[in-house]
């Protein structure tokens, strides 16, 4: 379950990185991140065994499996939870039956499920439905292809925050140190940063700066 009273958290999204570089990067940045996201490309390339490998090396880190589940929901969610994931994502566009199966798997494994709201046409309506079904978090997400067209997740975050849906919000999509404050002003539960950390000249220093901003210490 997600602690709704906890301070905002920083999530590091890992997508475009080889297995040989991943663990050395985490050695440097793990003190400054709260959640590590094993991104969809990594899951496709290495499978859920990578989750187990990271959890074994960094047992105190919370891990999110960005499985983006759309079907066979209980089975696929269970694969990630059994590998050591604390959170698993599904696509909010999927059917309600699949949502319920993700929630069931989370309850069985003591984990949490996150709805990726990418491309949802009515964020508020779907968000309320998902809250009613017991989803733990809604992730406002502007994908890479949408970012290339000039979109950001800020407008969607504002819409969902204003709706007062009783589910914590995460936000992802091209966020970096320069833009973090604009998102944090809308009080997301989790700020998700990928390349803003991984491509920095000093990823550990950038993660430390971002973590301080997220925690209101800078």
N, C-alpha and C. Protein backbone atom coordinates (compact mmCIF):
# COMPACT_ATOMS: atom_id res chain seq x y z
N UNK A 1 0.83 -1.20 0.00
CA UNK A 1 0.00 0.00 0.00
C UNK A 1 0.87 1.25 0.00
N UNK A 2 0.31 2.34 -0.50
CA UNK A 2 1.02 3.61 -0.56
C UNK A 2 0.68 4.44 0.67
N UNK A 3 1.71 4.96 1.32
CA UNK A 3 1.52 5.83 2.48
C UNK A 3 1.19 7.24 1.98
N UNK A 4 -0.06 7.63 2.12
CA UNK A 4 -0.50 8.91 1.58
C UNK A 4 -0.03 10.09 2.44
N UNK A 5 0.48 9.81 3.61
CA UNK A 5 0.93 10.90 4.48
C UNK A 5 2.44 11.15 4.36
N UNK A 6 3.14 10.31 3.57
CA UNK A 6 4.59 10.43 3.46
C UNK A 6 4.98 11.67 2.68
N UNK A 7 6.22 12.12 2.91
CA UNK A 7 6.75 13.25 2.16
C UNK A 7 6.88 12.87 0.68
N UNK A 8 6.88 13.85 -0.22
CA UNK A 8 7.06 13.55 -1.66
C UNK A 8 8.33 12.74 -1.88
N UNK A 9 8.29 11.91 -2.91
CA UNK A 9 9.42 11.01 -3.16
C UNK A 9 9.93 11.19 -4.58
N UNK A 10 11.20 10.85 -4.75
CA UNK A 10 11.85 10.92 -6.05
C UNK A 10 12.00 9.51 -6.61
N UNK A 11 11.50 9.33 -7.82
CA UNK A 11 11.61 8.04 -8.51
C UNK A 11 12.54 8.18 -9.70
N UNK A 12 13.52 7.29 -9.77
CA UNK A 12 14.46 7.26 -10.89
C UNK A 12 13.98 6.25 -11.91
N UNK A 13 13.70 6.73 -13.12
CA UNK A 13 13.25 5.85 -14.20
C UNK A 13 14.45 5.40 -15.03
N UNK A 14 14.65 4.10 -15.10
CA UNK A 14 15.74 3.52 -15.88
C UNK A 14 15.18 2.81 -17.10
N UNK A 15 15.49 3.33 -18.26
CA UNK A 15 14.97 2.77 -19.51
C UNK A 15 16.08 2.41 -20.48
N UNK A 16 16.88 3.40 -20.83
CA UNK A 16 17.88 3.24 -21.88
C UNK A 16 19.26 3.09 -21.25
N UNK A 17 19.48 1.92 -20.65
CA UNK A 17 20.76 1.67 -20.00
C UNK A 17 21.04 0.17 -20.06
N UNK A 18 22.28 -0.21 -20.31
CA UNK A 18 22.64 -1.61 -20.37
C UNK A 18 22.81 -2.20 -18.98
N UNK A 19 22.66 -3.50 -18.90
CA UNK A 19 22.78 -4.18 -17.61
C UNK A 19 24.14 -3.93 -16.97
N UNK A 20 25.19 -3.84 -17.80
CA UNK A 20 26.54 -3.66 -17.27
C UNK A 20 26.75 -2.29 -16.64
N UNK A 21 25.92 -1.31 -17.03
CA UNK A 21 26.05 0.04 -16.49
C UNK A 21 25.05 0.33 -15.37
N UNK A 22 24.03 -0.50 -15.27
CA UNK A 22 22.93 -0.21 -14.36
C UNK A 22 23.35 -0.27 -12.89
N UNK A 23 23.97 -1.36 -12.48
CA UNK A 23 24.34 -1.49 -11.07
C UNK A 23 25.38 -0.46 -10.64
N UNK A 24 26.41 -0.18 -11.47
CA UNK A 24 27.33 0.90 -11.08
C UNK A 24 26.63 2.24 -10.91
N UNK A 25 25.65 2.54 -11.77
CA UNK A 25 24.90 3.78 -11.63
C UNK A 25 24.14 3.80 -10.31
N UNK A 26 23.47 2.69 -9.99
CA UNK A 26 22.70 2.64 -8.75
C UNK A 26 23.59 2.73 -7.52
N UNK A 27 24.80 2.21 -7.61
CA UNK A 27 25.74 2.36 -6.49
C UNK A 27 25.97 3.83 -6.17
N UNK A 28 25.97 4.66 -7.20
CA UNK A 28 26.24 6.08 -7.02
C UNK A 28 25.01 6.86 -6.58
N UNK A 29 23.86 6.52 -7.12
CA UNK A 29 22.68 7.39 -6.91
C UNK A 29 21.71 6.87 -5.87
N UNK A 30 21.82 5.61 -5.46
CA UNK A 30 20.75 5.04 -4.63
C UNK A 30 20.51 5.78 -3.30
N UNK A 31 21.52 6.45 -2.71
CA UNK A 31 21.20 7.17 -1.47
C UNK A 31 20.25 8.35 -1.68
N UNK A 32 20.09 8.78 -2.92
CA UNK A 32 19.33 10.01 -3.19
C UNK A 32 18.02 9.76 -3.91
N UNK A 33 17.62 8.51 -4.09
CA UNK A 33 16.34 8.22 -4.72
C UNK A 33 15.53 7.32 -3.80
N UNK A 34 14.22 7.43 -3.91
CA UNK A 34 13.32 6.66 -3.05
C UNK A 34 12.79 5.42 -3.74
N UNK A 35 12.58 5.54 -5.05
CA UNK A 35 12.03 4.44 -5.84
C UNK A 35 12.85 4.32 -7.11
N UNK A 36 13.17 3.10 -7.50
CA UNK A 36 13.84 2.86 -8.77
C UNK A 36 12.86 2.14 -9.69
N UNK A 37 12.65 2.73 -10.84
CA UNK A 37 11.73 2.17 -11.84
C UNK A 37 12.52 1.34 -12.84
N UNK A 38 12.21 0.06 -12.90
CA UNK A 38 12.76 -0.80 -13.94
C UNK A 38 11.84 -0.61 -15.14
N UNK A 39 12.33 0.18 -16.11
CA UNK A 39 11.50 0.63 -17.21
C UNK A 39 11.11 -0.48 -18.17
N UNK A 40 10.10 -0.19 -18.96
CA UNK A 40 9.59 -1.16 -19.93
C UNK A 40 10.67 -1.69 -20.86
N UNK A 41 11.56 -0.84 -21.43
CA UNK A 41 12.61 -1.39 -22.30
C UNK A 41 13.53 -2.37 -21.57
N UNK A 42 13.83 -2.11 -20.30
CA UNK A 42 14.67 -3.03 -19.54
C UNK A 42 13.97 -4.35 -19.30
N UNK A 43 12.68 -4.29 -19.00
CA UNK A 43 11.92 -5.53 -18.81
C UNK A 43 11.86 -6.34 -20.09
N UNK A 44 11.71 -5.66 -21.22
CA UNK A 44 11.66 -6.35 -22.50
C UNK A 44 13.00 -7.00 -22.83
N UNK A 45 14.07 -6.33 -22.46
CA UNK A 45 15.41 -6.83 -22.80
C UNK A 45 15.89 -7.92 -21.85
N UNK A 46 15.66 -7.72 -20.54
CA UNK A 46 16.26 -8.61 -19.55
C UNK A 46 15.27 -9.45 -18.75
N UNK A 47 13.99 -9.10 -18.79
CA UNK A 47 13.01 -9.84 -18.03
C UNK A 47 12.98 -9.44 -16.56
N UNK A 48 12.07 -10.07 -15.82
CA UNK A 48 11.88 -9.69 -14.41
C UNK A 48 13.03 -10.14 -13.53
N UNK A 49 13.93 -10.97 -14.06
CA UNK A 49 15.09 -11.37 -13.26
C UNK A 49 15.94 -10.15 -12.89
N UNK A 50 15.86 -9.09 -13.69
CA UNK A 50 16.61 -7.88 -13.37
C UNK A 50 16.09 -7.26 -12.08
N UNK A 51 14.78 -7.34 -11.86
CA UNK A 51 14.20 -6.83 -10.61
C UNK A 51 14.80 -7.57 -9.42
N UNK A 52 14.88 -8.88 -9.53
CA UNK A 52 15.44 -9.70 -8.46
C UNK A 52 16.89 -9.34 -8.20
N UNK A 53 17.63 -9.11 -9.28
CA UNK A 53 19.04 -8.77 -9.16
C UNK A 53 19.24 -7.44 -8.42
N UNK A 54 18.43 -6.45 -8.79
CA UNK A 54 18.54 -5.14 -8.14
C UNK A 54 18.12 -5.23 -6.68
N UNK A 55 17.03 -5.94 -6.41
CA UNK A 55 16.53 -6.06 -5.04
C UNK A 55 17.55 -6.75 -4.15
N UNK A 56 18.23 -7.74 -4.68
CA UNK A 56 19.24 -8.44 -3.90
C UNK A 56 20.41 -7.52 -3.56
N UNK A 57 20.78 -6.67 -4.50
CA UNK A 57 21.92 -5.76 -4.31
C UNK A 57 21.54 -4.57 -3.44
N UNK A 58 20.29 -4.10 -3.58
CA UNK A 58 19.84 -2.91 -2.85
C UNK A 58 18.51 -3.23 -2.16
N UNK A 59 18.54 -4.00 -1.09
CA UNK A 59 17.29 -4.49 -0.49
C UNK A 59 16.40 -3.41 0.11
N UNK A 60 16.95 -2.24 0.41
CA UNK A 60 16.12 -1.19 1.01
C UNK A 60 15.46 -0.30 -0.04
N UNK A 61 15.86 -0.41 -1.30
CA UNK A 61 15.24 0.39 -2.35
C UNK A 61 13.85 -0.15 -2.67
N UNK A 62 12.92 0.75 -2.88
CA UNK A 62 11.62 0.35 -3.42
C UNK A 62 11.74 0.27 -4.94
N UNK A 63 11.23 -0.81 -5.51
CA UNK A 63 11.34 -1.02 -6.94
C UNK A 63 9.98 -1.01 -7.60
N UNK A 64 9.90 -0.34 -8.72
CA UNK A 64 8.68 -0.31 -9.53
C UNK A 64 8.94 -1.01 -10.85
N UNK A 65 8.10 -1.97 -11.17
CA UNK A 65 8.16 -2.66 -12.45
C UNK A 65 7.20 -1.97 -13.41
N UNK A 66 7.76 -1.31 -14.43
CA UNK A 66 6.91 -0.58 -15.37
C UNK A 66 6.41 -1.54 -16.46
N UNK A 67 5.60 -2.48 -16.01
CA UNK A 67 5.13 -3.55 -16.91
C UNK A 67 4.07 -3.07 -17.90
N UNK A 68 3.41 -1.96 -17.59
CA UNK A 68 2.34 -1.43 -18.46
C UNK A 68 1.37 -2.54 -18.87
N UNK A 69 0.85 -3.23 -17.88
CA UNK A 69 -0.01 -4.39 -18.11
C UNK A 69 -1.31 -3.99 -18.80
N UNK A 70 -1.69 -4.80 -19.76
CA UNK A 70 -2.93 -4.57 -20.51
C UNK A 70 -3.83 -5.79 -20.53
N UNK A 71 -3.26 -6.97 -20.29
CA UNK A 71 -4.00 -8.22 -20.38
C UNK A 71 -3.30 -9.25 -19.50
N UNK A 72 -3.98 -10.40 -19.27
CA UNK A 72 -3.43 -11.44 -18.38
C UNK A 72 -2.90 -10.79 -17.11
N UNK A 73 -3.71 -9.93 -16.54
CA UNK A 73 -3.24 -8.97 -15.54
C UNK A 73 -2.76 -9.63 -14.25
N UNK A 74 -3.50 -10.57 -13.72
CA UNK A 74 -3.08 -11.18 -12.46
C UNK A 74 -1.75 -11.91 -12.65
N UNK A 75 -1.64 -12.67 -13.71
CA UNK A 75 -0.41 -13.43 -13.97
C UNK A 75 0.79 -12.52 -14.16
N UNK A 76 0.62 -11.50 -14.97
CA UNK A 76 1.75 -10.62 -15.26
C UNK A 76 2.15 -9.78 -14.04
N UNK A 77 1.17 -9.31 -13.31
CA UNK A 77 1.49 -8.55 -12.09
C UNK A 77 2.20 -9.44 -11.08
N UNK A 78 1.73 -10.67 -10.94
CA UNK A 78 2.35 -11.59 -9.99
C UNK A 78 3.80 -11.87 -10.35
N UNK A 79 4.11 -11.96 -11.64
CA UNK A 79 5.49 -12.20 -12.06
C UNK A 79 6.42 -11.11 -11.52
N UNK A 80 5.97 -9.86 -11.61
CA UNK A 80 6.80 -8.75 -11.12
C UNK A 80 6.88 -8.73 -9.60
N UNK A 81 5.74 -8.94 -8.93
CA UNK A 81 5.76 -8.94 -7.47
C UNK A 81 6.63 -10.06 -6.93
N UNK A 82 6.52 -11.23 -7.53
CA UNK A 82 7.31 -12.38 -7.06
C UNK A 82 8.80 -12.17 -7.32
N UNK A 83 9.13 -11.37 -8.32
CA UNK A 83 10.54 -11.06 -8.60
C UNK A 83 11.11 -10.05 -7.62
N UNK A 84 10.24 -9.37 -6.86
CA UNK A 84 10.72 -8.42 -5.87
C UNK A 84 10.22 -7.00 -6.03
N UNK A 85 9.33 -6.76 -7.00
CA UNK A 85 8.81 -5.41 -7.20
C UNK A 85 7.87 -5.02 -6.05
N UNK A 86 7.94 -3.76 -5.67
CA UNK A 86 7.02 -3.21 -4.67
C UNK A 86 5.81 -2.57 -5.33
N UNK A 87 6.01 -2.08 -6.57
CA UNK A 87 4.94 -1.46 -7.35
C UNK A 87 4.96 -2.06 -8.76
N UNK A 88 3.78 -2.16 -9.35
CA UNK A 88 3.66 -2.61 -10.74
C UNK A 88 2.68 -1.69 -11.45
N UNK A 89 3.01 -1.33 -12.68
CA UNK A 89 2.12 -0.45 -13.45
C UNK A 89 1.25 -1.24 -14.41
N UNK A 90 0.07 -0.68 -14.65
CA UNK A 90 -0.81 -1.15 -15.73
C UNK A 90 -1.30 0.06 -16.49
N UNK A 91 -1.75 -0.15 -17.71
CA UNK A 91 -2.28 0.95 -18.51
C UNK A 91 -3.72 1.22 -18.13
N UNK A 92 -4.02 2.45 -17.77
CA UNK A 92 -5.36 2.81 -17.33
C UNK A 92 -6.40 2.60 -18.42
N UNK A 93 -5.98 2.50 -19.66
CA UNK A 93 -6.89 2.28 -20.77
C UNK A 93 -7.42 0.86 -20.83
N UNK A 94 -6.86 -0.06 -20.04
CA UNK A 94 -7.31 -1.44 -20.08
C UNK A 94 -8.71 -1.58 -19.49
N UNK A 95 -9.28 -2.78 -19.61
CA UNK A 95 -10.64 -3.00 -19.11
C UNK A 95 -10.65 -3.15 -17.59
N UNK A 96 -11.83 -2.97 -17.01
CA UNK A 96 -11.95 -2.98 -15.56
C UNK A 96 -11.62 -4.35 -14.97
N UNK A 97 -11.87 -5.40 -15.72
CA UNK A 97 -11.53 -6.73 -15.23
C UNK A 97 -10.05 -6.88 -15.01
N UNK A 98 -9.26 -6.34 -15.94
CA UNK A 98 -7.81 -6.41 -15.78
C UNK A 98 -7.34 -5.54 -14.61
N UNK A 99 -7.98 -4.40 -14.41
CA UNK A 99 -7.65 -3.56 -13.26
C UNK A 99 -7.87 -4.33 -11.96
N UNK A 100 -9.02 -4.98 -11.86
CA UNK A 100 -9.34 -5.73 -10.65
C UNK A 100 -8.34 -6.85 -10.40
N UNK A 101 -7.88 -7.48 -11.48
CA UNK A 101 -6.91 -8.57 -11.33
C UNK A 101 -5.54 -8.05 -10.89
N UNK A 102 -5.16 -6.87 -11.36
CA UNK A 102 -3.92 -6.25 -10.88
C UNK A 102 -4.02 -5.94 -9.39
N UNK A 103 -5.14 -5.38 -8.99
CA UNK A 103 -5.36 -5.05 -7.58
C UNK A 103 -5.32 -6.31 -6.73
N UNK A 104 -5.94 -7.38 -7.22
CA UNK A 104 -5.94 -8.65 -6.48
C UNK A 104 -4.51 -9.18 -6.30
N UNK A 105 -3.72 -9.13 -7.36
CA UNK A 105 -2.34 -9.59 -7.27
C UNK A 105 -1.54 -8.76 -6.28
N UNK A 106 -1.77 -7.45 -6.28
CA UNK A 106 -1.08 -6.58 -5.34
C UNK A 106 -1.42 -6.94 -3.90
N UNK A 107 -2.70 -7.17 -3.63
CA UNK A 107 -3.11 -7.53 -2.28
C UNK A 107 -2.49 -8.86 -1.85
N UNK A 108 -2.42 -9.80 -2.77
CA UNK A 108 -1.86 -11.11 -2.44
C UNK A 108 -0.37 -11.05 -2.12
N UNK A 109 0.33 -10.08 -2.71
CA UNK A 109 1.78 -10.01 -2.57
C UNK A 109 2.24 -8.84 -1.70
N UNK A 110 1.31 -8.12 -1.11
CA UNK A 110 1.68 -7.00 -0.26
C UNK A 110 2.31 -5.84 -1.02
N UNK A 111 1.94 -5.70 -2.30
CA UNK A 111 2.47 -4.63 -3.13
C UNK A 111 1.42 -3.59 -3.46
N UNK A 112 1.75 -2.75 -4.43
CA UNK A 112 0.86 -1.68 -4.84
C UNK A 112 0.82 -1.60 -6.37
N UNK A 113 -0.32 -1.16 -6.90
CA UNK A 113 -0.45 -1.02 -8.35
C UNK A 113 -0.64 0.44 -8.72
N UNK A 114 0.00 0.81 -9.83
CA UNK A 114 0.01 2.19 -10.30
C UNK A 114 -0.62 2.22 -11.70
N UNK A 115 -1.59 3.09 -11.89
CA UNK A 115 -2.24 3.23 -13.19
C UNK A 115 -1.51 4.27 -14.02
N UNK A 116 -0.96 3.85 -15.14
CA UNK A 116 -0.33 4.77 -16.08
C UNK A 116 -1.43 5.42 -16.92
N UNK A 117 -1.60 6.73 -16.76
CA UNK A 117 -2.72 7.44 -17.38
C UNK A 117 -2.41 7.93 -18.80
N UNK A 118 -1.36 7.45 -19.40
CA UNK A 118 -0.98 7.89 -20.74
C UNK A 118 -2.12 7.68 -21.74
N UNK A 119 -2.43 8.73 -22.47
CA UNK A 119 -3.42 8.71 -23.56
C UNK A 119 -4.87 8.50 -23.09
N UNK A 120 -5.13 8.60 -21.79
CA UNK A 120 -6.51 8.50 -21.31
C UNK A 120 -7.25 9.76 -21.72
N UNK A 121 -8.39 9.65 -22.42
CA UNK A 121 -9.07 10.85 -22.92
C UNK A 121 -9.74 11.69 -21.84
N UNK A 122 -10.30 11.05 -20.80
CA UNK A 122 -10.95 11.77 -19.71
C UNK A 122 -10.26 11.37 -18.42
N UNK A 123 -9.27 12.14 -18.04
CA UNK A 123 -8.46 11.78 -16.88
C UNK A 123 -9.26 11.71 -15.59
N UNK A 124 -10.14 12.67 -15.40
CA UNK A 124 -10.89 12.73 -14.14
C UNK A 124 -11.87 11.58 -14.03
N UNK A 125 -12.62 11.33 -15.07
CA UNK A 125 -13.59 10.23 -15.03
C UNK A 125 -12.89 8.90 -14.79
N UNK A 126 -11.83 8.64 -15.55
CA UNK A 126 -11.15 7.36 -15.39
C UNK A 126 -10.44 7.30 -14.04
N UNK A 127 -9.89 8.41 -13.60
CA UNK A 127 -9.24 8.44 -12.30
C UNK A 127 -10.19 8.09 -11.18
N UNK A 128 -11.40 8.60 -11.24
CA UNK A 128 -12.39 8.29 -10.21
C UNK A 128 -12.78 6.83 -10.25
N UNK A 129 -12.92 6.27 -11.45
CA UNK A 129 -13.23 4.85 -11.56
C UNK A 129 -12.12 4.00 -10.95
N UNK A 130 -10.88 4.35 -11.25
CA UNK A 130 -9.75 3.57 -10.74
C UNK A 130 -9.63 3.69 -9.23
N UNK A 131 -9.88 4.87 -8.70
CA UNK A 131 -9.86 5.04 -7.25
C UNK A 131 -10.90 4.13 -6.59
N UNK A 132 -12.07 4.06 -7.19
CA UNK A 132 -13.15 3.22 -6.66
C UNK A 132 -12.76 1.74 -6.68
N UNK A 133 -11.93 1.35 -7.65
CA UNK A 133 -11.52 -0.05 -7.78
C UNK A 133 -10.31 -0.40 -6.91
N UNK A 134 -9.79 0.56 -6.18
CA UNK A 134 -8.74 0.26 -5.23
C UNK A 134 -7.32 0.41 -5.73
N UNK A 135 -7.14 1.15 -6.83
CA UNK A 135 -5.80 1.40 -7.35
C UNK A 135 -5.04 2.30 -6.37
N UNK A 136 -3.75 2.04 -6.22
CA UNK A 136 -2.97 2.73 -5.20
C UNK A 136 -2.44 4.10 -5.63
N UNK A 137 -2.20 4.29 -6.92
CA UNK A 137 -1.62 5.55 -7.38
C UNK A 137 -1.96 5.74 -8.85
N UNK A 138 -2.12 7.01 -9.25
CA UNK A 138 -2.30 7.38 -10.65
C UNK A 138 -1.03 8.08 -11.11
N UNK A 139 -0.49 7.63 -12.25
CA UNK A 139 0.73 8.23 -12.79
C UNK A 139 0.39 9.06 -14.01
N UNK A 140 0.50 10.37 -13.86
CA UNK A 140 0.34 11.28 -15.00
C UNK A 140 1.58 11.11 -15.87
N UNK A 141 1.40 10.80 -17.13
CA UNK A 141 2.54 10.40 -17.96
C UNK A 141 2.41 10.95 -19.37
N UNK A 142 3.36 11.75 -19.77
CA UNK A 142 3.49 12.16 -21.17
C UNK A 142 4.67 11.39 -21.74
N UNK A 143 4.40 10.52 -22.71
CA UNK A 143 5.42 9.65 -23.26
C UNK A 143 6.42 10.38 -24.13
N UNK A 144 7.49 9.66 -24.47
CA UNK A 144 8.58 10.24 -25.26
C UNK A 144 8.08 10.75 -26.60
N UNK A 145 7.22 9.98 -27.27
CA UNK A 145 6.73 10.39 -28.57
C UNK A 145 5.85 11.63 -28.47
N UNK A 146 5.08 11.74 -27.39
CA UNK A 146 4.27 12.94 -27.16
C UNK A 146 5.15 14.14 -26.82
N UNK A 147 6.21 13.90 -26.06
CA UNK A 147 7.13 14.99 -25.73
C UNK A 147 7.77 15.56 -26.99
N UNK A 148 8.04 14.69 -27.96
CA UNK A 148 8.64 15.15 -29.21
C UNK A 148 7.72 16.10 -29.96
N UNK A 149 6.42 15.98 -29.68
CA UNK A 149 5.44 16.88 -30.30
C UNK A 149 5.18 18.12 -29.45
N UNK A 150 5.94 18.28 -28.37
CA UNK A 150 5.84 19.49 -27.58
C UNK A 150 4.97 19.41 -26.34
N UNK A 151 4.42 18.22 -26.01
CA UNK A 151 3.56 18.10 -24.83
C UNK A 151 4.38 17.87 -23.57
N UNK A 152 3.84 18.32 -22.45
CA UNK A 152 4.40 18.02 -21.14
C UNK A 152 3.27 17.49 -20.27
N UNK A 153 3.61 16.86 -19.14
CA UNK A 153 2.55 16.35 -18.26
C UNK A 153 1.98 17.39 -17.30
N UNK A 154 2.42 18.63 -17.38
CA UNK A 154 2.03 19.61 -16.37
C UNK A 154 0.53 19.89 -16.39
N UNK A 155 -0.03 20.10 -17.58
CA UNK A 155 -1.46 20.39 -17.66
C UNK A 155 -2.29 19.24 -17.10
N UNK A 156 -1.92 18.00 -17.44
CA UNK A 156 -2.67 16.85 -16.94
C UNK A 156 -2.55 16.73 -15.43
N UNK A 157 -1.38 17.03 -14.88
CA UNK A 157 -1.21 17.00 -13.43
C UNK A 157 -2.11 18.02 -12.76
N UNK A 158 -2.20 19.21 -13.35
CA UNK A 158 -3.06 20.25 -12.79
C UNK A 158 -4.52 19.81 -12.78
N UNK A 159 -4.95 19.18 -13.87
CA UNK A 159 -6.33 18.72 -13.97
C UNK A 159 -6.64 17.69 -12.88
N UNK A 160 -5.77 16.72 -12.72
CA UNK A 160 -6.03 15.66 -11.74
C UNK A 160 -5.91 16.18 -10.31
N UNK A 161 -4.95 17.05 -10.07
CA UNK A 161 -4.83 17.61 -8.72
C UNK A 161 -6.08 18.40 -8.36
N UNK A 162 -6.57 19.19 -9.28
CA UNK A 162 -7.76 20.01 -9.03
C UNK A 162 -9.01 19.17 -8.81
N UNK A 163 -9.01 17.95 -9.35
CA UNK A 163 -10.19 17.08 -9.22
C UNK A 163 -10.34 16.49 -7.84
N UNK A 164 -9.26 16.53 -7.05
CA UNK A 164 -9.28 16.01 -5.67
C UNK A 164 -9.65 14.54 -5.59
N UNK A 165 -9.26 13.76 -6.59
CA UNK A 165 -9.45 12.32 -6.52
C UNK A 165 -8.60 11.78 -5.36
N UNK A 166 -9.18 10.94 -4.50
CA UNK A 166 -8.48 10.52 -3.27
C UNK A 166 -7.45 9.41 -3.51
N UNK A 167 -6.57 9.60 -4.47
CA UNK A 167 -5.50 8.66 -4.76
C UNK A 167 -4.23 9.47 -5.00
N UNK A 168 -3.09 9.06 -4.43
CA UNK A 168 -1.85 9.79 -4.67
C UNK A 168 -1.50 9.85 -6.16
N UNK A 169 -0.80 10.91 -6.55
CA UNK A 169 -0.42 11.12 -7.94
C UNK A 169 1.10 11.05 -8.10
N UNK A 170 1.52 10.44 -9.20
CA UNK A 170 2.91 10.51 -9.64
C UNK A 170 2.90 11.24 -10.97
N UNK A 171 4.06 11.79 -11.36
CA UNK A 171 4.11 12.52 -12.63
C UNK A 171 5.43 12.23 -13.32
N UNK A 172 5.35 11.99 -14.64
CA UNK A 172 6.54 11.65 -15.43
C UNK A 172 6.42 12.24 -16.82
N UNK A 173 7.57 12.58 -17.38
CA UNK A 173 7.58 13.03 -18.77
C UNK A 173 8.52 14.18 -19.02
N UNK A 174 9.82 13.89 -19.12
CA UNK A 174 10.79 14.93 -19.44
C UNK A 174 11.13 15.87 -18.31
N UNK A 175 10.87 15.46 -17.08
CA UNK A 175 11.11 16.33 -15.92
C UNK A 175 12.60 16.33 -15.57
N UNK A 176 13.12 17.50 -15.21
CA UNK A 176 14.51 17.61 -14.79
C UNK A 176 14.61 18.63 -13.66
N UNK A 177 15.83 18.93 -13.25
CA UNK A 177 16.03 19.85 -12.12
C UNK A 177 15.44 21.23 -12.41
N UNK A 178 15.57 21.70 -13.65
CA UNK A 178 15.08 23.03 -14.00
C UNK A 178 13.56 23.12 -13.94
N UNK A 179 12.87 22.03 -14.25
CA UNK A 179 11.41 22.07 -14.30
C UNK A 179 10.74 21.48 -13.06
N UNK A 180 11.50 20.89 -12.17
CA UNK A 180 10.92 20.16 -11.04
C UNK A 180 9.99 21.02 -10.19
N UNK A 181 10.38 22.24 -9.92
CA UNK A 181 9.59 23.10 -9.03
C UNK A 181 8.19 23.35 -9.58
N UNK A 182 8.06 23.46 -10.90
CA UNK A 182 6.75 23.70 -11.50
C UNK A 182 5.80 22.54 -11.25
N UNK A 183 6.34 21.33 -11.21
CA UNK A 183 5.52 20.15 -10.93
C UNK A 183 5.25 20.00 -9.44
N UNK A 184 6.26 20.23 -8.64
CA UNK A 184 6.10 20.07 -7.19
C UNK A 184 5.10 21.07 -6.62
N UNK A 185 4.91 22.19 -7.30
CA UNK A 185 3.91 23.16 -6.86
C UNK A 185 2.51 22.56 -6.82
N UNK A 186 2.30 21.48 -7.59
CA UNK A 186 1.00 20.81 -7.64
C UNK A 186 0.96 19.57 -6.76
N UNK A 187 1.96 19.41 -5.93
CA UNK A 187 1.99 18.44 -4.84
C UNK A 187 1.78 16.99 -5.27
N UNK A 188 2.52 16.53 -6.28
CA UNK A 188 2.46 15.10 -6.58
C UNK A 188 3.10 14.29 -5.46
N UNK A 189 2.67 13.08 -5.30
CA UNK A 189 3.25 12.19 -4.29
C UNK A 189 4.63 11.71 -4.72
N UNK A 190 4.81 11.51 -6.04
CA UNK A 190 6.07 11.00 -6.59
C UNK A 190 6.45 11.82 -7.82
N UNK A 191 7.67 12.31 -7.84
CA UNK A 191 8.23 12.98 -9.01
C UNK A 191 9.16 11.98 -9.71
N UNK A 192 8.88 11.70 -10.98
CA UNK A 192 9.63 10.69 -11.72
C UNK A 192 10.58 11.37 -12.69
N UNK A 193 11.86 11.04 -12.56
CA UNK A 193 12.90 11.63 -13.41
C UNK A 193 13.74 10.51 -13.99
N UNK A 194 13.98 10.58 -15.30
CA UNK A 194 14.81 9.59 -15.96
C UNK A 194 16.10 10.20 -16.46
N UNK A 195 16.07 10.65 -17.73
CA UNK A 195 17.28 11.19 -18.34
C UNK A 195 17.78 12.44 -17.63
N UNK A 196 16.90 13.13 -16.91
CA UNK A 196 17.34 14.29 -16.15
C UNK A 196 18.39 13.94 -15.11
N UNK A 197 18.46 12.68 -14.73
CA UNK A 197 19.51 12.19 -13.84
C UNK A 197 20.54 11.38 -14.62
N UNK A 198 20.07 10.43 -15.41
CA UNK A 198 21.01 9.47 -16.01
C UNK A 198 21.95 10.08 -17.03
N UNK A 199 21.54 11.18 -17.69
CA UNK A 199 22.41 11.81 -18.68
C UNK A 199 23.17 13.01 -18.14
N UNK A 200 23.00 13.29 -16.85
CA UNK A 200 23.72 14.41 -16.23
C UNK A 200 25.22 14.11 -16.18
N UNK A 201 26.02 15.16 -16.16
CA UNK A 201 27.47 14.99 -16.08
C UNK A 201 27.86 14.23 -14.82
N UNK A 202 27.14 14.49 -13.74
CA UNK A 202 27.35 13.78 -12.48
C UNK A 202 25.98 13.31 -11.98
N UNK A 203 25.56 12.09 -12.34
CA UNK A 203 24.22 11.63 -11.97
C UNK A 203 23.95 11.65 -10.47
N UNK A 204 24.95 11.29 -9.67
CA UNK A 204 24.74 11.26 -8.23
C UNK A 204 24.50 12.67 -7.68
N UNK A 205 25.28 13.63 -8.14
CA UNK A 205 25.10 15.00 -7.67
C UNK A 205 23.74 15.55 -8.12
N UNK A 206 23.34 15.22 -9.35
CA UNK A 206 22.04 15.69 -9.84
C UNK A 206 20.90 15.05 -9.05
N UNK A 207 21.03 13.76 -8.77
CA UNK A 207 20.01 13.08 -7.98
C UNK A 207 19.93 13.69 -6.57
N UNK A 208 21.08 14.02 -5.99
CA UNK A 208 21.09 14.62 -4.67
C UNK A 208 20.40 15.98 -4.68
N UNK A 209 20.66 16.78 -5.72
CA UNK A 209 20.01 18.09 -5.83
C UNK A 209 18.50 17.93 -6.00
N UNK A 210 18.09 17.01 -6.87
CA UNK A 210 16.67 16.79 -7.09
C UNK A 210 15.98 16.28 -5.83
N UNK A 211 16.63 15.39 -5.13
CA UNK A 211 16.04 14.84 -3.91
C UNK A 211 15.82 15.94 -2.88
N UNK A 212 16.78 16.86 -2.79
CA UNK A 212 16.63 17.98 -1.85
C UNK A 212 15.45 18.87 -2.25
N UNK A 213 15.28 19.11 -3.55
CA UNK A 213 14.16 19.93 -4.03
C UNK A 213 12.84 19.22 -3.74
N UNK A 214 12.78 17.93 -4.00
CA UNK A 214 11.55 17.16 -3.76
C UNK A 214 11.17 17.20 -2.29
N UNK A 215 12.18 17.13 -1.43
CA UNK A 215 11.91 17.13 0.02
C UNK A 215 11.78 18.54 0.60
N UNK A 216 11.86 19.54 -0.26
CA UNK A 216 11.73 20.92 0.22
C UNK A 216 12.91 21.40 1.02
N UNK A 217 14.09 20.83 0.75
CA UNK A 217 15.28 21.16 1.53
C UNK A 217 16.21 22.11 0.77
N UNK A 218 15.74 22.61 -0.37
CA UNK A 218 16.60 23.49 -1.18
C UNK A 218 15.76 24.60 -1.81
